[in-house]
C-alpha cells in the first residue's frame, strides 16, 4: 500500500466552484465530465446503487512524458435530496495510468467512508506486465461497486496486452461535499501531471475516443452513457448555480470542463478510433 502526499496534482475532482489559483503551473488536471441522471435505468440505479463501469479508448504520441497520468473516473453524486449514504456525498472511483505501465488508484479510508473528505490522497500503485506503446489505441474499463463503495477491477486491452487487475476490497474515495440538488452518475476522462514528478518536458497531450458508462445487474451490462466526440465539437464550462447546483441546467451526457483551468478540446484527426474526432486532454504546466 502506498501513501503519497501528492494531492496537489489531483485536487478534488469536480471542484467546479473554485477559480484558477496560484498552483495552476505546479500541477494541472485537465478533465472532462458528463452527468447522467435521467432515464428509467439510471434513476433506479441511483435509488439502489450497485456495480457500474466506465471505459474509454486512449492513445498518446511518441513524445508523451513518462510522468503524465491519464485515465478514467466514475462518481456517484448523491445530491442533497434523499441521499443513500451522505447528503451531498461524492464517491469517486478514479484510476490513472502512466505510459510506463504504472497504475494509480485513488483509495478511500475508514475516515472518508464515514463522511470526512480526503485531504491527502491515498494511492494504491499497481504495475501492468508491460509498458504502453505510442500511437496505439488501448481500451481501459474500470468497474466499481457503489453499493459497497469499493472498486472491483480494471481492464486494459490493446495490441500485445490484455490484463485485468483485481481491485476488490479497495474503498472508493470521498473527495468532497458536492451540493447537487439530486443524484447523478458522472463520468470522466483526464490527463494530469505535477511539477514534483516532472523529469522532462515531453508531450503532455492524451487522446480519448468512444467513452462509455453503464450499470451491471446480475452480470448484465446496461449502457447509460456514450460519447464518440462527433456530435459536440466544443467542451463548455459547467452551468454551476449556488448554493445548490441544479441538474436541470446540464445537458445530460454532454462533456463539460471539469474545472475552468482544464485544457480539454475536441479535435478532428486522421487517427480517431471511430468517426473523425477525438477528445484531447492537455496537462501542460505552462
C-alpha atoms as a PDB file:
ATOM      1  CA  UNK A   1       0.000   0.000   0.000  1.00  0.00           C
ATOM      2  CA  UNK A   2       1.373   3.380  -0.988  1.00  0.00           C
ATOM      3  CA  UNK A   3       0.522   6.734   0.541  1.00  0.00           C
ATOM      4  CA  UNK A   4       1.856   9.817  -1.206  1.00  0.00           C
ATOM      5  CA  UNK A   5       1.387  13.449  -0.223  1.00  0.00           C
ATOM      6  CA  UNK A   6       0.793  14.365  -3.816  1.00  0.00           C
ATOM      7  CA  UNK A   7      -2.776  15.600  -3.664  1.00  0.00           C
ATOM      8  CA  UNK A   8      -1.812  18.932  -5.244  1.00  0.00           C
ATOM      9  CA  UNK A   9      -1.545  17.269  -8.638  1.00  0.00           C
ATOM     10  CA  UNK A  10      -5.005  15.802  -8.178  1.00  0.00           C
ATOM     11  CA  UNK A  11      -7.131  18.400  -6.453  1.00  0.00           C
ATOM     12  CA  UNK A  12     -10.625  17.239  -5.606  1.00  0.00           C
ATOM     13  CA  UNK A  13     -12.437  16.216  -8.739  1.00  0.00           C
ATOM     14  CA  UNK A  14     -15.431  18.246  -9.849  1.00  0.00           C
ATOM     15  CA  UNK A  15     -14.101  21.294  -7.975  1.00  0.00           C
ATOM     16  CA  UNK A  16     -16.490  23.385 -10.008  1.00  0.00           C
ATOM     17  CA  UNK A  17     -16.962  26.425  -7.829  1.00  0.00           C
ATOM     18  CA  UNK A  18     -13.338  27.487  -7.418  1.00  0.00           C
ATOM     19  CA  UNK A  19     -11.339  29.843  -9.681  1.00  0.00           C
ATOM     20  CA  UNK A  20      -7.870  29.215 -11.070  1.00  0.00           C
ATOM     21  CA  UNK A  21      -5.407  29.611  -8.215  1.00  0.00           C
ATOM     22  CA  UNK A  22      -1.680  30.118  -7.861  1.00  0.00           C
ATOM     23  CA  UNK A  23      -0.613  26.486  -8.129  1.00  0.00           C
ATOM     24  CA  UNK A  24      -2.021  26.099 -11.649  1.00  0.00           C
ATOM     25  CA  UNK A  25       1.515  25.809 -13.110  1.00  0.00           C
ATOM     26  CA  UNK A  26       2.658  23.433 -10.344  1.00  0.00           C
ATOM     27  CA  UNK A  27       0.061  20.851 -11.345  1.00  0.00           C
ATOM     28  CA  UNK A  28      -2.685  20.524 -13.910  1.00  0.00           C
ATOM     29  CA  UNK A  29      -5.658  18.205 -14.081  1.00  0.00           C
ATOM     30  CA  UNK A  30      -7.313  18.503 -17.488  1.00  0.00           C
ATOM     31  CA  UNK A  31     -10.556  16.558 -17.378  1.00  0.00           C
ATOM     32  CA  UNK A  32     -13.975  16.467 -18.983  1.00  0.00           C
ATOM     33  CA  UNK A  33     -17.089  15.340 -17.108  1.00  0.00           C
ATOM     34  CA  UNK A  34     -20.526  14.168 -18.235  1.00  0.00           C
ATOM     35  CA  UNK A  35     -23.522  13.692 -15.928  1.00  0.00           C
ATOM     36  CA  UNK A  36     -26.280  11.097 -16.334  1.00  0.00           C
ATOM     37  CA  UNK A  37     -29.387  11.471 -14.182  1.00  0.00           C
ATOM     38  CA  UNK A  38     -32.500  10.957 -16.307  1.00  0.00           C
ATOM     39  CA  UNK A  39     -33.958   7.661 -17.545  1.00  0.00           C
ATOM     40  CA  UNK A  40     -35.525   4.528 -16.096  1.00  0.00           C
ATOM     41  CA  UNK A  41     -32.293   2.547 -15.722  1.00  0.00           C
ATOM     42  CA  UNK A  42     -30.150   5.250 -14.128  1.00  0.00           C
ATOM     43  CA  UNK A  43     -32.930   6.534 -11.867  1.00  0.00           C
ATOM     44  CA  UNK A  44     -33.471   3.016 -10.493  1.00  0.00           C
ATOM     45  CA  UNK A  45     -29.708   2.611 -10.076  1.00  0.00           C
ATOM     46  CA  UNK A  46     -29.358   5.882  -8.170  1.00  0.00           C
ATOM     47  CA  UNK A  47     -32.003   4.730  -5.682  1.00  0.00           C
ATOM     48  CA  UNK A  48     -30.141   1.460  -5.146  1.00  0.00           C
ATOM     49  CA  UNK A  49     -26.514   1.688  -6.343  1.00  0.00           C
ATOM     50  CA  UNK A  50     -24.588  -1.421  -7.332  1.00  0.00           C
ATOM     51  CA  UNK A  51     -21.845  -2.113  -9.890  1.00  0.00           C
ATOM     52  CA  UNK A  52     -21.085   0.471 -12.567  1.00  0.00           C
ATOM     53  CA  UNK A  53     -18.433   0.688 -15.282  1.00  0.00           C
ATOM     54  CA  UNK A  54     -16.688   3.372 -17.283  1.00  0.00           C
ATOM     55  CA  UNK A  55     -14.499   2.768 -20.313  1.00  0.00           C
ATOM     56  CA  UNK A  56     -12.586   4.687 -22.950  1.00  0.00           C
ATOM     57  CA  UNK A  57     -10.180   4.162 -25.785  1.00  0.00           C
ATOM     58  CA  UNK A  58      -6.972   6.109 -25.132  1.00  0.00           C
ATOM     59  CA  UNK A  59      -3.912   6.965 -27.207  1.00  0.00           C
ATOM     60  CA  UNK A  60      -0.793   9.113 -26.869  1.00  0.00           C
ATOM     61  CA  UNK A  61       2.031  10.298 -29.103  1.00  0.00           C
ATOM     62  CA  UNK A  62       5.633   9.092 -29.073  1.00  0.00           C
ATOM     63  CA  UNK A  63       6.854  12.027 -27.011  1.00  0.00           C
ATOM     64  CA  UNK A  64       4.435  11.681 -24.072  1.00  0.00           C
ATOM     65  CA  UNK A  65       6.328  12.359 -20.843  1.00  0.00           C
ATOM     66  CA  UNK A  66       6.579   9.365 -18.502  1.00  0.00           C
ATOM     67  CA  UNK A  67       5.117  11.321 -15.570  1.00  0.00           C
ATOM     68  CA  UNK A  68       1.806  12.189 -17.266  1.00  0.00           C
ATOM     69  CA  UNK A  69      -1.069  10.210 -15.750  1.00  0.00           C
ATOM     70  CA  UNK A  70      -4.238   9.602 -17.769  1.00  0.00           C
ATOM     71  CA  UNK A  71      -7.358   7.571 -17.287  1.00  0.00           C
ATOM     72  CA  UNK A  72     -10.990   7.378 -16.284  1.00  0.00           C
ATOM     73  CA  UNK A  73     -13.140   8.156 -13.303  1.00  0.00           C
ATOM     74  CA  UNK A  74     -16.750   7.496 -12.378  1.00  0.00           C
ATOM     75  CA  UNK A  75     -18.501   9.071  -9.418  1.00  0.00           C
ATOM     76  CA  UNK A  76     -21.793   8.635  -7.627  1.00  0.00           C
ATOM     77  CA  UNK A  77     -23.101  12.102  -6.776  1.00  0.00           C
ATOM     78  CA  UNK A  78     -25.720  11.631  -4.064  1.00  0.00           C
ATOM     79  CA  UNK A  79     -27.311  15.067  -4.119  1.00  0.00           C
ATOM     80  CA  UNK A  80     -28.893  16.808  -1.162  1.00  0.00           C
ATOM     81  CA  UNK A  81     -32.345  15.249  -1.649  1.00  0.00           C
ATOM     82  CA  UNK A  82     -32.794  11.689  -0.371  1.00  0.00           C
ATOM     83  CA  UNK A  83     -29.131  10.596  -0.348  1.00  0.00           C
ATOM     84  CA  UNK A  84     -28.279   6.916   0.033  1.00  0.00           C
ATOM     85  CA  UNK A  85     -25.210   7.443   2.248  1.00  0.00           C
ATOM     86  CA  UNK A  86     -24.464  11.122   2.862  1.00  0.00           C
ATOM     87  CA  UNK A  87     -26.135  14.398   1.969  1.00  0.00           C
ATOM     88  CA  UNK A  88     -24.035  15.865  -0.841  1.00  0.00           C
ATOM     89  CA  UNK A  89     -21.872  12.748  -0.946  1.00  0.00           C
ATOM     90  CA  UNK A  90     -19.426  12.282  -3.832  1.00  0.00           C
ATOM     91  CA  UNK A  91     -17.973   8.756  -4.160  1.00  0.00           C
ATOM     92  CA  UNK A  92     -15.036   8.567  -6.526  1.00  0.00           C
ATOM     93  CA  UNK A  93     -13.616   5.582  -8.470  1.00  0.00           C
ATOM     94  CA  UNK A  94     -10.525   7.194 -10.012  1.00  0.00           C
ATOM     95  CA  UNK A  95      -7.864   5.217 -11.886  1.00  0.00           C
ATOM     96  CA  UNK A  96      -4.917   6.534 -13.885  1.00  0.00           C
ATOM     97  CA  UNK A  97      -2.081   5.036 -15.922  1.00  0.00           C
ATOM     98  CA  UNK A  98       1.381   6.123 -16.950  1.00  0.00           C
ATOM     99  CA  UNK A  99       2.896   5.011 -20.228  1.00  0.00           C
ATOM    100  CA  UNK A 100       5.413   3.024 -18.157  1.00  0.00           C
ATOM    101  CA  UNK A 101       2.598   0.674 -17.118  1.00  0.00           C
ATOM    102  CA  UNK A 102       2.166   2.087 -13.616  1.00  0.00           C
ATOM    103  CA  UNK A 103      -1.462   2.197 -12.429  1.00  0.00           C
ATOM    104  CA  UNK A 104      -2.652   4.724  -9.824  1.00  0.00           C
ATOM    105  CA  UNK A 105      -5.824   4.021  -7.844  1.00  0.00           C
ATOM    106  CA  UNK A 106      -7.243   6.697  -5.510  1.00  0.00           C
ATOM    107  CA  UNK A 107      -8.187   4.749  -2.388  1.00  0.00           C
ATOM    108  CA  UNK A 108     -10.557   5.777   0.377  1.00  0.00           C
ATOM    109  CA  UNK A 109     -10.082   5.139   4.093  1.00  0.00           C
ATOM    110  CA  UNK A 110     -12.199   4.285   7.125  1.00  0.00           C
ATOM    111  CA  UNK A 111     -12.324   8.012   7.855  1.00  0.00           C
ATOM    112  CA  UNK A 112     -13.522   9.050   4.393  1.00  0.00           C
ATOM    113  CA  UNK A 113     -16.113   6.268   4.408  1.00  0.00           C
ATOM    114  CA  UNK A 114     -17.715   7.984   7.392  1.00  0.00           C
ATOM    115  CA  UNK A 115     -18.025  11.288   5.536  1.00  0.00           C
ATOM    116  CA  UNK A 116     -14.796  13.192   6.172  1.00  0.00           C
ATOM    117  CA  UNK A 117     -13.418  14.364   2.797  1.00  0.00           C
ATOM    118  CA  UNK A 118      -9.889  13.244   1.981  1.00  0.00           C
ATOM    119  CA  UNK A 119      -7.138  15.860   2.178  1.00  0.00           C
ATOM    120  CA  UNK A 120      -4.024  13.898   1.283  1.00  0.00           C
ATOM    121  CA  UNK A 121      -4.837  11.455  -1.489  1.00  0.00           C
ATOM    122  CA  UNK A 122      -4.048   7.838  -0.600  1.00  0.00           C
ATOM    123  CA  UNK A 123      -2.737   5.842  -3.559  1.00  0.00           C
ATOM    124  CA  UNK A 124      -2.575   2.138  -4.307  1.00  0.00           C
ATOM    125  CA  UNK A 125       0.020   1.558  -7.021  1.00  0.00           C
ATOM    126  CA  UNK A 126      -0.081  -1.394  -9.424  1.00  0.00           C
ATOM    127  CA  UNK A 127       2.066  -2.347 -12.414  1.00  0.00           C
ATOM    128  CA  UNK A 128       0.996  -3.765 -15.756  1.00  0.00           C
ATOM    129  CA  UNK A 129       3.171  -6.503 -17.257  1.00  0.00           C
ATOM    130  CA  UNK A 130       4.472  -4.151 -19.947  1.00  0.00           C
ATOM    131  CA  UNK A 131       4.720  -0.505 -20.908  1.00  0.00           C
ATOM    132  CA  UNK A 132       2.153   1.059 -23.230  1.00  0.00           C
ATOM    133  CA  UNK A 133       3.178   1.980 -26.749  1.00  0.00           C
ATOM    134  CA  UNK A 134       2.664   5.333 -28.521  1.00  0.00           C
ATOM    135  CA  UNK A 135       0.330   5.820 -31.486  1.00  0.00           C
ATOM    136  CA  UNK A 136      -1.709   2.842 -30.297  1.00  0.00           C
ATOM    137  CA  UNK A 137      -5.312   2.662 -29.140  1.00  0.00           C
ATOM    138  CA  UNK A 138      -5.899   0.933 -25.801  1.00  0.00           C
ATOM    139  CA  UNK A 139      -9.207   0.262 -24.116  1.00  0.00           C
ATOM    140  CA  UNK A 140      -9.486   0.971 -20.388  1.00  0.00           C
ATOM    141  CA  UNK A 141     -12.515  -0.260 -18.469  1.00  0.00           C
ATOM    142  CA  UNK A 142     -12.983   0.175 -14.714  1.00  0.00           C
ATOM    143  CA  UNK A 143     -15.704  -1.468 -12.625  1.00  0.00           C
ATOM    144  CA  UNK A 144     -16.751  -0.153  -9.210  1.00  0.00           C
ATOM    145  CA  UNK A 145     -19.448  -1.244  -6.771  1.00  0.00           C
ATOM    146  CA  UNK A 146     -21.191   1.853  -5.455  1.00  0.00           C
ATOM    147  CA  UNK A 147     -23.401  -0.343  -3.279  1.00  0.00           C
ATOM    148  CA  UNK A 148     -20.324  -1.446  -1.324  1.00  0.00           C
ATOM    149  CA  UNK A 149     -18.392   1.744  -2.170  1.00  0.00           C
ATOM    150  CA  UNK A 150     -15.476  -0.355  -3.362  1.00  0.00           C
ATOM    151  CA  UNK A 151     -13.530  -0.887  -6.573  1.00  0.00           C
ATOM    152  CA  UNK A 152     -13.967  -4.141  -8.486  1.00  0.00           C
ATOM    153  CA  UNK A 153     -11.407  -4.341 -11.303  1.00  0.00           C
ATOM    154  CA  UNK A 154      -9.576  -2.537 -14.087  1.00  0.00           C
ATOM    155  CA  UNK A 155      -9.179  -3.991 -17.571  1.00  0.00           C
ATOM    156  CA  UNK A 156      -6.533  -2.833 -20.054  1.00  0.00           C
ATOM    157  CA  UNK A 157      -6.667  -4.180 -23.605  1.00  0.00           C
ATOM    158  CA  UNK A 158      -4.758  -3.413 -26.775  1.00  0.00           C
ATOM    159  CA  UNK A 159      -2.093  -4.815 -29.113  1.00  0.00           C
ATOM    160  CA  UNK A 160       0.083  -7.161 -27.083  1.00  0.00           C
ATOM    161  CA  UNK A 161      -1.796  -6.674 -23.809  1.00  0.00           C
ATOM    162  CA  UNK A 162      -4.973  -7.983 -22.204  1.00  0.00           C
ATOM    163  CA  UNK A 163      -4.874  -7.638 -18.431  1.00  0.00           C
ATOM    164  CA  UNK A 164      -7.363  -7.460 -15.601  1.00  0.00           C
ATOM    165  CA  UNK A 165      -6.274  -6.025 -12.250  1.00  0.00           C
ATOM    166  CA  UNK A 166      -8.226  -7.162  -9.202  1.00  0.00           C
ATOM    167  CA  UNK A 167      -9.122  -4.027  -7.222  1.00  0.00           C
ATOM    168  CA  UNK A 168     -11.708  -5.664  -4.964  1.00  0.00           C
ATOM    169  CA  UNK A 169     -11.597  -4.548  -1.358  1.00  0.00           C
ATOM    170  CA  UNK A 170     -10.201  -1.097  -2.149  1.00  0.00           C
ATOM    171  CA  UNK A 171     -12.517   1.604  -0.826  1.00  0.00           C
ATOM    172  CA  UNK A 172     -13.775   4.416  -3.029  1.00  0.00           C
ATOM    173  CA  UNK A 173     -12.593   7.863  -2.036  1.00  0.00           C
ATOM    174  CA  UNK A 174     -14.821  10.680  -0.773  1.00  0.00           C
ATOM    175  CA  UNK A 175     -13.053  13.803  -2.054  1.00  0.00           C
ATOM    176  CA  UNK A 176     -15.580  16.495  -1.172  1.00  0.00           C
ATOM    177  CA  UNK A 177     -19.120  17.587  -0.371  1.00  0.00           C
ATOM    178  CA  UNK A 178     -20.941  18.230  -3.640  1.00  0.00           C
ATOM    179  CA  UNK A 179     -24.232  20.157  -3.322  1.00  0.00           C
ATOM    180  CA  UNK A 180     -26.126  18.989  -6.397  1.00  0.00           C
ATOM    181  CA  UNK A 181     -29.847  19.096  -5.850  1.00  0.00           C
ATOM    182  CA  UNK A 182     -30.390  15.486  -6.918  1.00  0.00           C
ATOM    183  CA  UNK A 183     -28.416  12.323  -7.554  1.00  0.00           C
ATOM    184  CA  UNK A 184     -26.418  11.584 -10.712  1.00  0.00           C
ATOM    185  CA  UNK A 185     -23.687   9.389 -12.102  1.00  0.00           C
ATOM    186  CA  UNK A 186     -20.717  11.270 -13.511  1.00  0.00           C
ATOM    187  CA  UNK A 187     -18.095  10.003 -15.951  1.00  0.00           C
ATOM    188  CA  UNK A 188     -14.661  11.485 -16.626  1.00  0.00           C
ATOM    189  CA  UNK A 189     -11.606  11.202 -18.847  1.00  0.00           C
ATOM    190  CA  UNK A 190      -8.462  13.084 -17.882  1.00  0.00           C
ATOM    191  CA  UNK A 191      -4.738  13.720 -18.155  1.00  0.00           C
ATOM    192  CA  UNK A 192      -2.684  15.269 -15.366  1.00  0.00           C
ATOM    193  CA  UNK A 193       0.831  15.963 -14.240  1.00  0.00           C
ATOM    194  CA  UNK A 194       2.643  17.732 -11.405  1.00  0.00           C
ATOM    195  CA  UNK A 195       5.961  19.519 -11.241  1.00  0.00           C
ATOM    196  CA  UNK A 196       7.054  17.356  -8.304  1.00  0.00           C
ATOM    197  CA  UNK A 197       7.306  14.324 -10.624  1.00  0.00           C
ATOM    198  CA  UNK A 198       8.388  16.121 -13.794  1.00  0.00           C
ATOM    199  CA  UNK A 199      11.713  14.970 -15.232  1.00  0.00           C
ATOM    200  CA  UNK A 200      11.419  16.016 -18.871  1.00  0.00           C
ATOM    201  CA  UNK A 201       9.103  18.482 -20.562  1.00  0.00           C
ATOM    202  CA  UNK A 202       7.860  15.909 -23.045  1.00  0.00           C
ATOM    203  CA  UNK A 203       4.449  15.996 -24.720  1.00  0.00           C
ATOM    204  CA  UNK A 204       1.612  16.340 -22.202  1.00  0.00           C
ATOM    205  CA  UNK A 205      -1.340  15.524 -24.534  1.00  0.00           C
ATOM    206  CA  UNK A 206      -3.510  12.402 -24.408  1.00  0.00           C
ATOM    207  CA  UNK A 207      -6.383  11.479 -26.741  1.00  0.00           C
ATOM    208  CA  UNK A 208      -9.672   9.756 -25.951  1.00  0.00           C
ATOM    209  CA  UNK A 209     -12.447   8.236 -28.030  1.00  0.00           C
ATOM    210  CA  UNK A 210     -15.553   6.103 -27.567  1.00  0.00           C
ATOM    211  CA  UNK A 211     -16.173   6.854 -23.897  1.00  0.00           C
ATOM    212  CA  UNK A 212     -18.920   4.734 -22.322  1.00  0.00           C
ATOM    213  CA  UNK A 213     -20.557   4.228 -18.956  1.00  0.00           C
ATOM    214  CA  UNK A 214     -23.119   1.775 -17.688  1.00  0.00           C
ATOM    215  CA  UNK A 215     -24.526  -0.312 -14.897  1.00  0.00           C
ATOM    216  CA  UNK A 216     -24.269  -4.028 -14.162  1.00  0.00           C
ATOM    217  CA  UNK A 217     -27.176  -6.054 -12.816  1.00  0.00           C
ATOM    218  CA  UNK A 218     -26.888  -9.815 -12.416  1.00  0.00           C
ATOM    219  CA  UNK A 219     -23.997  -9.914 -14.844  1.00  0.00           C
ATOM    220  CA  UNK A 220     -25.933  -7.982 -17.487  1.00  0.00           C
ATOM    221  CA  UNK A 221     -24.426  -4.672 -18.585  1.00  0.00           C
ATOM    222  CA  UNK A 222     -26.739  -1.796 -19.480  1.00  0.00           C
ATOM    223  CA  UNK A 223     -25.079   1.204 -21.172  1.00  0.00           C
ATOM    224  CA  UNK A 224     -26.393   4.578 -19.968  1.00  0.00           C
ATOM    225  CA  UNK A 225     -23.771   6.896 -21.470  1.00  0.00           C
ATOM    226  CA  UNK A 226     -21.727   7.036 -24.676  1.00  0.00           C
ATOM    227  CA  UNK A 227     -19.680   9.742 -26.388  1.00  0.00           C
ATOM    228  CA  UNK A 228     -17.590   9.475 -29.560  1.00  0.00           C
ATOM    229  CA  UNK A 229     -16.882  13.242 -29.754  1.00  0.00           C
ATOM    230  CA  UNK A 230     -18.626  13.519 -33.126  1.00  0.00           C
ATOM    231  CA  UNK A 231     -21.729  15.459 -32.033  1.00  0.00           C
ATOM    232  CA  UNK A 232     -20.445  18.247 -29.780  1.00  0.00           C
ATOM    233  CA  UNK A 233     -17.312  19.965 -31.084  1.00  0.00           C
ATOM    234  CA  UNK A 234     -16.891  22.229 -28.043  1.00  0.00           C
ATOM    235  CA  UNK A 235     -16.443  21.495 -24.327  1.00  0.00           C
ATOM    236  CA  UNK A 236     -18.093  24.292 -22.327  1.00  0.00           C
ATOM    237  CA  UNK A 237     -17.804  25.274 -18.684  1.00  0.00           C
ATOM    238  CA  UNK A 238     -20.241  23.699 -16.257  1.00  0.00           C
ATOM    239  CA  UNK A 239     -23.501  25.597 -15.603  1.00  0.00           C
ATOM    240  CA  UNK A 240     -22.956  25.946 -11.878  1.00  0.00           C
ATOM    241  CA  UNK A 241     -25.606  27.508  -9.640  1.00  0.00           C
ATOM    242  CA  UNK A 242     -25.381  28.441  -5.975  1.00  0.00           C
ATOM    243  CA  UNK A 243     -25.953  27.477  -3.212  1.00  0.00           C
ATOM    244  CA  UNK A 244     -27.392  24.312  -4.780  1.00  0.00           C
ATOM    245  CA  UNK A 245     -26.217  23.056  -8.168  1.00  0.00           C
ATOM    246  CA  UNK A 246     -29.278  22.286 -10.285  1.00  0.00           C
ATOM    247  CA  UNK A 247     -29.041  19.262 -12.560  1.00  0.00           C
ATOM    248  CA  UNK A 248     -31.662  20.766 -14.857  1.00  0.00           C
ATOM    249  CA  UNK A 249     -29.014  23.219 -16.046  1.00  0.00           C
ATOM    250  CA  UNK A 250     -26.940  20.377 -17.511  1.00  0.00           C
ATOM    251  CA  UNK A 251     -27.397  18.744 -20.891  1.00  0.00           C
ATOM    252  CA  UNK A 252     -27.400  15.076 -19.991  1.00  0.00           C
ATOM    253  CA  UNK A 253     -24.470  13.168 -21.464  1.00  0.00           C
ATOM    254  CA  UNK A 254     -22.582  16.204 -22.729  1.00  0.00           C
ATOM    255  CA  UNK A 255     -18.973  16.662 -21.715  1.00  0.00           C
ATOM    256  CA  UNK A 256     -18.150  19.812 -19.734  1.00  0.00           C
ATOM    257  CA  UNK A 257     -14.822  21.078 -18.451  1.00  0.00           C
ATOM    258  CA  UNK A 258     -14.260  19.528 -15.039  1.00  0.00           C
ATOM    259  CA  UNK A 259     -12.724  22.833 -13.887  1.00  0.00           C
ATOM    260  CA  UNK A 260     -12.001  26.164 -15.511  1.00  0.00           C
ATOM    261  CA  UNK A 261      -8.273  25.512 -15.874  1.00  0.00           C
ATOM    262  CA  UNK A 262      -8.820  22.172 -17.607  1.00  0.00           C
ATOM    263  CA  UNK A 263      -7.428  22.118 -21.129  1.00  0.00           C
ATOM    264  CA  UNK A 264      -9.739  19.719 -22.914  1.00  0.00           C
ATOM    265  CA  UNK A 265     -10.817  20.120 -26.533  1.00  0.00           C
ATOM    266  CA  UNK A 266     -12.459  18.170 -29.342  1.00  0.00           C
ATOM    267  CA  UNK A 267     -10.197  17.796 -32.384  1.00  0.00           C
ATOM    268  CA  UNK A 268     -10.614  16.422 -35.892  1.00  0.00           C
ATOM    269  CA  UNK A 269      -7.795  13.932 -36.594  1.00  0.00           C
ATOM    270  CA  UNK A 270      -6.879  11.178 -39.024  1.00  0.00           C
ATOM    271  CA  UNK A 271      -6.347   8.559 -36.302  1.00  0.00           C
ATOM    272  CA  UNK A 272      -9.705   8.551 -34.467  1.00  0.00           C
ATOM    273  CA  UNK A 273     -10.794   5.175 -33.113  1.00  0.00           C
ATOM    274  CA  UNK A 274     -14.194   5.792 -34.663  1.00  0.00           C
ATOM    275  CA  UNK A 275     -15.509   8.678 -36.748  1.00  0.00           C
ATOM    276  CA  UNK A 276     -13.289  11.697 -37.298  1.00  0.00           C
ATOM    277  CA  UNK A 277     -12.907  13.351 -33.881  1.00  0.00           C
ATOM    278  CA  UNK A 278     -11.298  12.687 -30.514  1.00  0.00           C
ATOM    279  CA  UNK A 279     -11.182  14.358 -27.129  1.00  0.00           C
ATOM    280  CA  UNK A 280      -7.768  15.829 -26.297  1.00  0.00           C
ATOM    281  CA  UNK A 281      -6.568  16.458 -22.735  1.00  0.00           C
ATOM    282  CA  UNK A 282      -3.528  18.713 -22.354  1.00  0.00           C
ATOM    283  CA  UNK A 283      -1.752  18.608 -18.983  1.00  0.00           C
ATOM    284  CA  UNK A 284       0.932  21.154 -19.875  1.00  0.00           C
ATOM    285  CA  UNK A 285       2.159  23.133 -16.866  1.00  0.00           C
ATOM    286  CA  UNK A 286       2.967  26.252 -18.894  1.00  0.00           C
END
